Amino acid sequence: MSRVKGCRRPGAARTSTSRGAARRASCCSPIYPEPPSFRPRRRLHQRRASEGSTPMPGMEPPEPTRLGEVRWLQPFPDVLLECLADTAPGPEARFDARESISLAFITALQLLPPRQRAALILRDVLGFHAREAAEILDATEESVTGVLERARAALQRQLPEGQHGAPPPAGSPAERDLVQRLTRAFESADVGAVVALLTDDAWLTMPPRPLQYQGRETAGRFLAATAFRPGRLPRLVPTRANGQPAFGLYVRDPHGGVCHAIGVLVLTLSGPRISAMTCFDTSVLSAFGLPRTLREGR
C-alpha cells in the first residue's frame, strides 16, 4: 500500500515551449543531430570536428507536431518475456500480454494519476477481481470501481484508435515481409520507400526527447534531413522489443569497415503498415545484447 501511495505522476513536459526552444531541445538527440543554428555554440564545433554530422543547408528538420508529456520510456526485449514463469492474465483482465507491454499502452499508462494507474493495472492488466484490488489498495470496491472507470476513459482517449487493424502475428510471413521491406529501404537511405510503409497518421518519436512528428510527409522530411542525409548510410540489426519488431540502428563509418551504434528503433505495426517508429538512444543497447560497433559483413 505504501508503494501505491508513494507513486508519483511523471512530470509533464512544458507545453508552452516556443518553437525555438522546441528546436533546441532536439540538440540532445544522439540519433538525429540537430541543425547547427540550434546547437549550443561550444558543442557545435565539437560535433563538426568529431562526426561531420551537420545537415546540409536547406535540409533542416520540420517543426515537431507536438511535445510529448512522458519523460521516461524504455524498450523491453522480447527475449526477457520468454523467461517469465507465467504471462497469462487473470480472469478479469481486459488487455492481453501483447497489448499491455506495447509502447503505446505504457506511454498512455504513465499519463494517468497514480491511483487510477494502480487500479487499472490490478483489474485490467493483471486481472484481479474487484474485491482483491480493493484489498490491495486499502479501499472499498465502490471506490475502486469509480477510479477504474475514470482510468479506462482516460486511457481510451490516449491510446491509438486502431483504425488500421491489428498487427500481424509475431514471426508471420506478413510481419517478415514488412520488416524486410523496411530494412531494404532504410539501408539504401530510400526515404520514399520508408514513407510508403507508414500509415498516414504515423508517429516518429525519440524518448526521452519531447519532440514528436506525425504524418508521412512530416516523417519523410525529418528523415531526409537527419538519418538519411547525403553521405550517411544506416544499417539495421534485427531484434524484438515490446512484442514488436525492433532494430539496433547503426551508421557506416565512411573511413573504414565499421558501423557505429546510434540507438534502437522499435516499430509499432498496424495492419500491413507501420503506425509508429520510436527511436531510443545507445543506453539501451546492452539490454538487447547489441554491441556499440560492428564490423561490416557481420
Protein backbone atom coordinates (compact mmCIF):
# COMPACT_ATOMS: atom_id res chain seq x y z
CA MET A 1 0.00 0.00 0.00
CA SER A 2 2.80 2.41 0.83
CA ARG A 3 4.20 1.88 -2.62
CA VAL A 4 0.93 2.78 -4.27
CA LYS A 5 0.50 5.90 -2.19
CA GLY A 6 4.10 6.86 -2.82
CA CYS A 7 3.81 6.72 -6.62
CA ARG A 8 4.38 9.98 -8.39
CA ARG A 9 2.94 11.00 -11.71
CA PRO A 10 5.67 11.51 -14.30
CA GLY A 11 6.36 15.19 -14.83
CA ALA A 12 4.76 16.65 -17.92
CA ALA A 13 6.85 18.50 -20.44
CA ARG A 14 6.14 22.22 -20.58
CA THR A 15 3.62 22.74 -23.36
CA SER A 16 4.36 26.45 -23.54
CA THR A 17 7.78 25.82 -25.08
CA SER A 18 8.30 28.09 -28.05
CA ARG A 19 9.24 26.84 -31.48
CA GLY A 20 12.80 27.95 -30.99
CA ALA A 21 13.03 26.13 -27.67
CA ALA A 22 11.49 23.02 -29.19
CA ARG A 23 14.15 23.01 -31.85
CA ARG A 24 16.89 23.50 -29.30
CA ALA A 25 15.53 20.54 -27.32
CA SER A 26 16.44 18.28 -30.21
CA CYS A 27 20.12 19.08 -29.76
CA CYS A 28 20.42 16.27 -27.21
CA SER A 29 19.25 13.57 -29.59
CA PRO A 30 22.07 11.06 -30.18
CA ILE A 31 20.24 9.62 -33.18
CA TYR A 32 19.35 12.65 -35.26
CA PRO A 33 21.84 15.51 -35.00
CA GLU A 34 20.25 18.95 -34.85
CA PRO A 35 20.72 21.80 -37.34
CA PRO A 36 23.81 23.89 -36.47
CA SER A 37 21.78 27.05 -35.80
CA PHE A 38 20.15 25.34 -32.81
CA ARG A 39 23.23 23.82 -31.21
CA PRO A 40 24.97 25.36 -28.23
CA ARG A 41 27.98 27.02 -29.79
CA ARG A 42 30.51 25.08 -27.73
CA ARG A 43 29.06 21.74 -28.83
CA LEU A 44 28.74 22.85 -32.44
CA HIS A 45 32.46 22.84 -33.09
CA GLN A 46 32.98 19.61 -31.15
CA ARG A 47 30.31 17.79 -33.14
CA ARG A 48 31.52 19.11 -36.51
CA ALA A 49 35.07 18.08 -35.79
CA SER A 50 34.27 14.61 -34.46
CA GLU A 51 31.40 13.49 -36.66
CA GLY A 52 30.97 15.83 -39.59
CA SER A 53 27.27 15.47 -38.88
CA THR A 54 26.00 18.91 -39.86
CA PRO A 55 22.88 18.67 -42.06
CA MET A 56 23.20 20.31 -45.46
CA PRO A 57 21.78 23.82 -45.95
CA GLY A 58 18.11 23.80 -46.82
CA MET A 59 17.58 20.38 -45.19
CA GLU A 60 16.59 21.40 -41.69
CA PRO A 61 14.11 19.16 -39.82
CA PRO A 62 10.50 20.33 -39.75
CA GLU A 63 8.80 21.70 -36.66
CA PRO A 64 7.52 18.95 -34.34
CA THR A 65 3.81 18.19 -34.39
CA ARG A 66 3.69 18.35 -30.61
CA LEU A 67 5.73 17.97 -27.44
CA GLY A 68 5.21 14.70 -25.59
CA GLU A 69 4.30 14.56 -21.91
CA VAL A 70 6.05 11.31 -20.96
CA ARG A 71 9.67 11.81 -19.98
CA TRP A 72 10.62 8.20 -19.27
CA LEU A 73 10.12 5.32 -21.67
CA GLN A 74 12.38 2.39 -22.44
CA PRO A 75 12.01 -0.66 -24.68
CA PHE A 76 11.76 -4.15 -23.20
CA PRO A 77 13.48 -7.05 -25.01
CA ASP A 78 11.10 -9.82 -26.03
CA VAL A 79 13.68 -12.43 -25.07
CA LEU A 80 13.20 -11.48 -21.42
CA LEU A 81 9.47 -12.08 -21.68
CA GLU A 82 10.18 -15.71 -22.54
CA CYS A 83 11.81 -16.10 -19.12
CA LEU A 84 8.65 -15.22 -17.22
CA ALA A 85 7.11 -18.16 -15.41
CA ASP A 86 3.51 -17.09 -16.03
CA THR A 87 2.39 -14.46 -18.53
CA ALA A 88 -1.31 -15.37 -18.52
CA PRO A 89 -3.50 -12.58 -17.09
CA GLY A 90 -6.20 -13.21 -14.53
CA PRO A 91 -9.84 -13.84 -15.46
CA GLU A 92 -10.83 -10.16 -15.14
CA ALA A 93 -8.14 -8.80 -17.48
CA ARG A 94 -9.15 -6.68 -20.47
CA PHE A 95 -5.72 -6.50 -22.09
CA ASP A 96 -3.69 -9.45 -23.27
CA ALA A 97 0.05 -9.72 -22.69
CA ARG A 98 0.98 -8.24 -26.05
CA GLU A 99 -1.24 -5.18 -25.63
CA SER A 100 -0.12 -4.46 -22.07
CA ILE A 101 3.58 -4.31 -22.97
CA SER A 102 3.19 -2.16 -26.09
CA LEU A 103 4.92 1.21 -26.07
CA ALA A 104 1.60 2.95 -26.77
CA PHE A 105 -0.02 1.34 -23.73
CA ILE A 106 2.92 2.07 -21.42
CA THR A 107 3.02 5.68 -22.61
CA ALA A 108 -0.71 6.17 -22.03
CA LEU A 109 -0.48 4.48 -18.64
CA GLN A 110 2.07 7.00 -17.40
CA LEU A 111 -0.32 9.86 -18.07
CA LEU A 112 -2.82 8.53 -15.52
CA PRO A 113 -2.85 9.70 -11.88
CA PRO A 114 -1.17 7.13 -9.58
CA ARG A 115 -4.34 5.68 -8.08
CA GLN A 116 -6.04 5.32 -11.45
CA ARG A 117 -2.91 3.68 -12.80
CA ALA A 118 -2.79 1.21 -9.92
CA ALA A 119 -6.47 0.30 -10.25
CA LEU A 120 -6.23 -0.22 -13.98
CA ILE A 121 -3.13 -2.40 -13.73
CA LEU A 122 -4.63 -4.56 -11.00
CA ARG A 123 -8.00 -5.02 -12.68
CA ASP A 124 -7.45 -4.79 -16.45
CA VAL A 125 -3.85 -5.96 -16.85
CA LEU A 126 -3.28 -8.45 -14.02
CA GLY A 127 -6.92 -9.49 -13.87
CA PHE A 128 -7.63 -9.25 -10.13
CA HIS A 129 -11.25 -9.32 -9.02
CA ALA A 130 -12.72 -6.06 -7.70
CA ARG A 131 -12.64 -7.33 -4.12
CA GLU A 132 -8.97 -8.31 -4.40
CA ALA A 133 -8.00 -4.97 -5.96
CA ALA A 134 -9.86 -3.12 -3.19
CA GLU A 135 -7.95 -5.04 -0.53
CA ILE A 136 -4.61 -4.29 -2.18
CA LEU A 137 -5.43 -0.59 -2.47
CA ASP A 138 -6.96 -0.45 1.02
CA ALA A 139 -10.20 0.96 -0.39
CA THR A 140 -13.82 -0.02 -0.88
CA GLU A 141 -14.96 -1.86 -4.00
CA GLU A 142 -17.17 1.11 -4.92
CA SER A 143 -14.22 3.48 -4.70
CA VAL A 144 -12.01 1.25 -6.84
CA THR A 145 -14.77 0.83 -9.40
CA GLY A 146 -15.15 4.59 -9.73
CA VAL A 147 -11.42 5.14 -10.07
CA LEU A 148 -11.22 2.35 -12.64
CA GLU A 149 -13.98 3.87 -14.77
CA ARG A 150 -12.15 7.18 -14.91
CA ALA A 151 -8.88 5.41 -15.73
CA ARG A 152 -10.48 3.47 -18.58
CA ALA A 153 -11.98 6.62 -20.06
CA ALA A 154 -8.66 8.47 -19.87
CA LEU A 155 -6.75 5.54 -21.33
CA GLN A 156 -9.19 5.27 -24.22
CA ARG A 157 -8.53 8.91 -25.10
CA GLN A 158 -4.76 8.34 -25.10
CA LEU A 159 -4.48 5.05 -26.99
CA PRO A 160 -4.46 4.96 -30.80
CA GLU A 161 -7.84 4.13 -32.29
CA GLY A 162 -6.55 1.04 -34.10
CA GLN A 163 -8.26 2.05 -37.33
CA HIS A 164 -5.54 0.41 -39.39
CA GLY A 165 -6.14 -3.05 -37.98
CA ALA A 166 -4.34 -5.40 -35.63
CA PRO A 167 -0.62 -6.03 -36.14
CA PRO A 168 0.32 -9.23 -37.97
CA PRO A 169 1.25 -12.13 -35.68
CA ALA A 170 4.86 -12.20 -34.50
CA GLY A 171 7.04 -14.11 -36.94
CA SER A 172 4.29 -14.38 -39.53
CA PRO A 173 5.02 -14.04 -43.27
CA ALA A 174 3.23 -10.67 -43.27
CA GLU A 175 5.43 -9.35 -40.45
CA ARG A 176 8.61 -10.72 -42.02
CA ASP A 177 7.76 -9.13 -45.37
CA LEU A 178 7.16 -5.72 -43.78
CA VAL A 179 10.39 -5.92 -41.79
CA GLN A 180 12.38 -6.92 -44.88
CA ARG A 181 10.97 -4.06 -46.94
CA LEU A 182 11.76 -1.54 -44.21
CA THR A 183 15.29 -2.91 -43.84
CA ARG A 184 15.95 -2.58 -47.58
CA ALA A 185 14.56 0.95 -47.65
CA PHE A 186 16.48 2.05 -44.54
CA GLU A 187 19.82 0.59 -45.57
CA SER A 188 19.58 2.19 -49.02
CA ALA A 189 18.52 5.53 -47.48
CA ASP A 190 15.36 5.48 -49.61
CA VAL A 191 13.10 7.98 -47.84
CA GLY A 192 10.23 7.44 -50.26
CA ALA A 193 10.25 3.69 -49.70
CA VAL A 194 10.25 4.12 -45.91
CA VAL A 195 7.40 6.63 -46.03
CA ALA A 196 5.38 4.30 -48.25
CA LEU A 197 5.36 1.74 -45.41
CA LEU A 198 3.89 4.21 -42.90
CA THR A 199 0.26 4.87 -42.10
CA ASP A 200 -0.99 8.37 -42.95
CA ASP A 201 -1.03 9.30 -39.25
CA ALA A 202 2.19 7.52 -38.21
CA TRP A 203 4.24 8.94 -35.32
CA LEU A 204 8.01 9.35 -35.15
CA THR A 205 9.28 9.88 -31.59
CA MET A 206 12.62 9.86 -29.73
CA PRO A 207 12.11 9.46 -25.97
CA PRO A 208 13.14 10.98 -23.65
CA ARG A 209 13.23 13.93 -26.07
CA PRO A 210 9.76 15.51 -26.17
CA LEU A 211 9.71 16.17 -29.92
CA GLN A 212 7.07 14.15 -31.78
CA TYR A 213 6.35 14.13 -35.50
CA GLN A 214 3.14 12.88 -37.08
CA GLY A 215 2.25 12.08 -40.67
CA ARG A 216 4.06 10.58 -43.61
CA GLU A 217 5.07 13.89 -45.15
CA THR A 218 6.48 15.25 -41.88
CA ALA A 219 8.27 12.00 -41.10
CA GLY A 220 9.77 11.96 -44.58
CA ARG A 221 11.10 15.49 -44.27
CA PHE A 222 12.57 14.71 -40.86
CA LEU A 223 14.30 11.52 -42.04
CA ALA A 224 15.65 13.21 -45.18
CA ALA A 225 17.23 15.96 -43.09
CA THR A 226 18.70 13.69 -40.43
CA ALA A 227 19.03 9.92 -40.66
CA PHE A 228 19.16 9.82 -44.47
CA ARG A 229 21.08 12.98 -45.24
CA PRO A 230 23.68 12.65 -48.01
CA GLY A 231 26.74 10.63 -47.08
CA ARG A 232 25.08 8.71 -44.27
CA LEU A 233 24.17 5.04 -44.73
CA PRO A 234 22.32 3.28 -41.90
CA ARG A 235 22.46 -0.41 -41.08
CA LEU A 236 19.77 -2.32 -39.19
CA VAL A 237 20.32 -5.33 -36.94
CA PRO A 238 17.01 -7.11 -36.19
CA THR A 239 15.77 -7.78 -32.68
CA ARG A 240 12.40 -7.54 -30.89
CA ALA A 241 11.01 -5.24 -28.21
CA ASN A 242 7.63 -4.90 -26.51
CA GLY A 243 6.14 -7.60 -28.71
CA GLN A 244 7.05 -5.77 -31.93
CA PRO A 245 9.91 -5.81 -34.46
CA ALA A 246 12.90 -3.70 -33.47
CA PHE A 247 16.42 -2.99 -34.70
CA GLY A 248 19.80 -1.99 -33.50
CA LEU A 249 20.42 1.18 -35.51
CA TYR A 250 23.93 1.69 -36.83
CA VAL A 251 25.72 4.07 -39.20
CA ARG A 252 28.52 3.00 -41.50
CA ASP A 253 31.85 4.71 -40.91
CA PRO A 254 32.91 6.27 -44.25
CA HIS A 255 36.58 5.84 -43.31
CA GLY A 256 36.59 2.15 -42.51
CA GLY A 257 34.66 -1.10 -42.46
CA VAL A 258 32.97 -0.39 -39.14
CA CYS A 259 29.43 0.55 -38.16
CA HIS A 260 28.77 2.65 -35.07
CA ALA A 261 25.61 2.21 -32.99
CA ILE A 262 23.33 5.22 -32.63
CA GLY A 263 20.36 3.60 -30.90
CA VAL A 264 17.48 1.14 -31.01
CA LEU A 265 14.49 1.56 -33.30
CA VAL A 266 11.17 -0.03 -32.27
CA LEU A 267 8.27 -0.35 -34.70
CA THR A 268 4.55 -0.38 -33.99
CA LEU A 269 2.71 -2.30 -36.68
CA SER A 270 -0.93 -1.69 -37.55
CA GLY A 271 -2.34 -3.98 -40.18
CA PRO A 272 0.02 -4.06 -43.17
CA ARG A 273 1.80 -0.80 -42.27
CA ILE A 274 3.87 0.92 -39.59
CA SER A 275 1.95 3.30 -37.34
CA ALA A 276 4.89 4.39 -35.16
CA MET A 277 8.68 4.40 -35.12
CA THR A 278 10.21 5.01 -31.70
CA CYS A 279 13.94 5.72 -31.51
CA PHE A 280 15.91 5.16 -28.29
CA ASP A 281 19.50 6.13 -27.61
CA THR A 282 22.51 3.87 -27.11
CA SER A 283 21.92 3.47 -23.36
CA VAL A 284 19.50 0.58 -24.11
CA LEU A 285 21.86 -1.40 -26.36
CA SER A 286 23.17 -3.71 -23.64
CA ALA A 287 19.66 -4.89 -22.72
CA PHE A 288 19.38 -6.31 -26.23
CA GLY A 289 22.90 -7.72 -26.36
CA LEU A 290 23.81 -5.28 -29.12
CA PRO A 291 27.42 -4.03 -29.46
CA ARG A 292 28.41 -0.41 -29.92
CA THR A 293 30.39 -1.21 -33.05
CA LEU A 294 30.03 -3.79 -35.80
CA ARG A 295 32.39 -4.97 -38.47
CA GLU A 296 30.97 -4.72 -41.98
CA GLY A 297 29.78 -8.07 -43.27
CA ARG A 298 28.75 -9.38 -39.83
